[in-house]
Amino acid sequence: MHIEFSETGGFAGLSKKFVLDSNDLSDEKKKELEALASAAKMDMPNKKSEGAADHMNYDLDIDGEKASFDDLTMNNPLRALYSFVKSEVLALKKAAKK
């Protein structure tokens, strides 16, 4: 499973991208990722709020299934997936520096 999360916007105009491949994870983490991605795909919004200039905007790609949303349209399964992906990407980067 290959997941890409792009995050842009906000007051400071941030731009970040988090890319995670399940092959880089332990079996336990891989199962957790698959469960979170499955839950997120069940109800992926594909809309952004109008006039949301200072909100964060997200583009998600789960194995070719794409969606775009923002802070206001991001649901709880997507928040959980985003948090997991971001955390794992940062942990993998930290481990690679050692």
C-alpha atoms as a PDB file:
ATOM      1  CA  MET A   1       0.000   0.000   0.000  1.00  0.00           C
ATOM      2  CA  HIS A   2       1.303   3.417  -0.973  1.00  0.00           C
ATOM      3  CA  ILE A   3      -0.076   6.585   0.643  1.00  0.00           C
ATOM      4  CA  GLU A   4       0.720  10.215  -0.106  1.00  0.00           C
ATOM      5  CA  PHE A   5      -0.626  13.085   1.980  1.00  0.00           C
ATOM      6  CA  SER A   6       0.037  16.650   0.832  1.00  0.00           C
ATOM      7  CA  GLU A   7      -0.724  19.466   3.251  1.00  0.00           C
ATOM      8  CA  THR A   8      -0.786  23.106   2.142  1.00  0.00           C
ATOM      9  CA  GLY A   9      -2.093  26.430   3.339  1.00  0.00           C
ATOM     10  CA  GLY A  10      -2.725  27.865   6.718  1.00  0.00           C
ATOM     11  CA  PHE A  11      -1.752  31.311   7.898  1.00  0.00           C
ATOM     12  CA  ALA A  12       1.926  30.745   7.042  1.00  0.00           C
ATOM     13  CA  GLY A  13       1.263  29.102   3.677  1.00  0.00           C
ATOM     14  CA  LEU A  14       2.934  25.824   4.648  1.00  0.00           C
ATOM     15  CA  SER A  15       3.542  23.010   2.185  1.00  0.00           C
ATOM     16  CA  LYS A  16       4.391  19.481   3.374  1.00  0.00           C
ATOM     17  CA  LYS A  17       4.202  16.053   1.815  1.00  0.00           C
ATOM     18  CA  PHE A  18       4.202  12.745   3.645  1.00  0.00           C
ATOM     19  CA  VAL A  19       4.750   9.547   1.640  1.00  0.00           C
ATOM     20  CA  LEU A  20       4.459   6.120   3.259  1.00  0.00           C
ATOM     21  CA  ASP A  21       4.772   2.668   1.747  1.00  0.00           C
ATOM     22  CA  SER A  22       3.503  -0.254   3.804  1.00  0.00           C
ATOM     23  CA  ASN A  23       6.597  -2.275   2.810  1.00  0.00           C
ATOM     24  CA  ASP A  24       8.627   0.029   5.084  1.00  0.00           C
ATOM     25  CA  LEU A  25       6.586  -0.950   8.142  1.00  0.00           C
ATOM     26  CA  SER A  26       6.543  -3.843  10.578  1.00  0.00           C
ATOM     27  CA  ASP A  27       3.726  -6.363  10.129  1.00  0.00           C
ATOM     28  CA  GLU A  28       1.872  -4.848  13.090  1.00  0.00           C
ATOM     29  CA  LYS A  29       2.148  -1.291  11.755  1.00  0.00           C
ATOM     30  CA  LYS A  30       1.233  -2.495   8.251  1.00  0.00           C
ATOM     31  CA  LYS A  31      -2.027  -3.990   9.582  1.00  0.00           C
ATOM     32  CA  GLU A  32      -2.789  -0.769  11.445  1.00  0.00           C
ATOM     33  CA  LEU A  33      -2.169   1.286   8.299  1.00  0.00           C
ATOM     34  CA  GLU A  34      -4.399  -0.972   6.211  1.00  0.00           C
ATOM     35  CA  ALA A  35      -7.231  -0.728   8.765  1.00  0.00           C
ATOM     36  CA  LEU A  36      -6.961   3.068   8.942  1.00  0.00           C
ATOM     37  CA  ALA A  37      -6.827   3.403   5.149  1.00  0.00           C
ATOM     38  CA  SER A  38      -9.818   1.096   4.729  1.00  0.00           C
ATOM     39  CA  ALA A  39     -11.857   3.147   7.215  1.00  0.00           C
ATOM     40  CA  ALA A  40     -10.822   6.401   5.517  1.00  0.00           C
ATOM     41  CA  LYS A  41     -11.736   5.144   2.030  1.00  0.00           C
ATOM     42  CA  MET A  42     -15.282   4.292   3.154  1.00  0.00           C
ATOM     43  CA  ASP A  43     -16.202   7.962   3.429  1.00  0.00           C
ATOM     44  CA  MET A  44     -13.581  10.095   1.687  1.00  0.00           C
ATOM     45  CA  PRO A  45     -14.851  13.607   1.102  1.00  0.00           C
ATOM     46  CA  ASN A  46     -13.696  15.218  -2.086  1.00  0.00           C
ATOM     47  CA  LYS A  47     -14.483  18.829  -1.387  1.00  0.00           C
ATOM     48  CA  LYS A  48     -12.945  21.895   0.135  1.00  0.00           C
ATOM     49  CA  SER A  49     -14.744  24.658   1.990  1.00  0.00           C
ATOM     50  CA  GLU A  50     -15.337  27.880   0.120  1.00  0.00           C
ATOM     51  CA  GLY A  51     -13.584  30.937   1.493  1.00  0.00           C
ATOM     52  CA  ALA A  52     -11.349  28.917   3.817  1.00  0.00           C
ATOM     53  CA  ALA A  53      -8.204  30.973   3.218  1.00  0.00           C
ATOM     54  CA  ASP A  54      -6.403  30.172   6.477  1.00  0.00           C
ATOM     55  CA  HIS A  55      -7.379  26.516   6.663  1.00  0.00           C
ATOM     56  CA  MET A  56      -5.103  23.632   5.820  1.00  0.00           C
ATOM     57  CA  ASN A  57      -5.824  21.865   2.535  1.00  0.00           C
ATOM     58  CA  TYR A  58      -5.065  18.191   2.007  1.00  0.00           C
ATOM     59  CA  ASP A  59      -4.611  15.984  -1.027  1.00  0.00           C
ATOM     60  CA  LEU A  60      -4.643  12.263  -0.352  1.00  0.00           C
ATOM     61  CA  ASP A  61      -3.676   9.404  -2.638  1.00  0.00           C
ATOM     62  CA  ILE A  62      -4.209   5.839  -1.426  1.00  0.00           C
ATOM     63  CA  ASP A  63      -2.964   3.477  -4.136  1.00  0.00           C
ATOM     64  CA  GLY A  64      -4.365   5.748  -6.851  1.00  0.00           C
ATOM     65  CA  GLU A  65      -7.641   6.638  -5.099  1.00  0.00           C
ATOM     66  CA  LYS A  66      -7.503  10.402  -4.653  1.00  0.00           C
ATOM     67  CA  ALA A  67      -9.377  12.942  -2.581  1.00  0.00           C
ATOM     68  CA  SER A  68      -8.985  16.619  -1.685  1.00  0.00           C
ATOM     69  CA  PHE A  69     -10.368  18.223   1.456  1.00  0.00           C
ATOM     70  CA  ASP A  70      -9.585  20.770   4.155  1.00  0.00           C
ATOM     71  CA  ASP A  71      -9.719  21.114   7.938  1.00  0.00           C
ATOM     72  CA  LEU A  72     -13.481  21.600   7.863  1.00  0.00           C
ATOM     73  CA  THR A  73     -14.324  18.656   5.607  1.00  0.00           C
ATOM     74  CA  MET A  74     -11.739  16.217   7.027  1.00  0.00           C
ATOM     75  CA  ASN A  75     -13.563  13.472   8.928  1.00  0.00           C
ATOM     76  CA  ASN A  76     -12.310  11.448  11.911  1.00  0.00           C
ATOM     77  CA  PRO A  77     -11.086   8.410   9.911  1.00  0.00           C
ATOM     78  CA  LEU A  78      -9.024  10.750   7.711  1.00  0.00           C
ATOM     79  CA  ARG A  79      -7.623  12.530  10.769  1.00  0.00           C
ATOM     80  CA  ALA A  80      -6.562   9.183  12.230  1.00  0.00           C
ATOM     81  CA  LEU A  81      -4.926   8.132   8.951  1.00  0.00           C
ATOM     82  CA  TYR A  82      -3.157  11.491   8.580  1.00  0.00           C
ATOM     83  CA  SER A  83      -1.844  11.324  12.143  1.00  0.00           C
ATOM     84  CA  PHE A  84      -0.561   7.775  11.646  1.00  0.00           C
ATOM     85  CA  VAL A  85       1.099   8.500   8.288  1.00  0.00           C
ATOM     86  CA  LYS A  86       2.761  11.687   9.549  1.00  0.00           C
ATOM     87  CA  SER A  87       4.004   9.975  12.709  1.00  0.00           C
ATOM     88  CA  GLU A  88       5.419   6.964  10.853  1.00  0.00           C
ATOM     89  CA  VAL A  89       7.109   9.076   8.161  1.00  0.00           C
ATOM     90  CA  LEU A  90       8.800  11.224  10.801  1.00  0.00           C
ATOM     91  CA  ALA A  91       9.856   8.125  12.778  1.00  0.00           C
ATOM     92  CA  LEU A  92      11.324   6.507   9.650  1.00  0.00           C
ATOM     93  CA  LYS A  93      13.252   9.696   8.827  1.00  0.00           C
ATOM     94  CA  LYS A  94      14.595   9.889  12.369  1.00  0.00           C
ATOM     95  CA  ALA A  95      15.670   6.223  12.304  1.00  0.00           C
ATOM     96  CA  ALA A  96      17.418   6.724   8.943  1.00  0.00           C
ATOM     97  CA  LYS A  97      19.560   9.518  10.417  1.00  0.00           C
ATOM     98  CA  LYS A  98      21.021   7.210  13.083  1.00  0.00           C
END
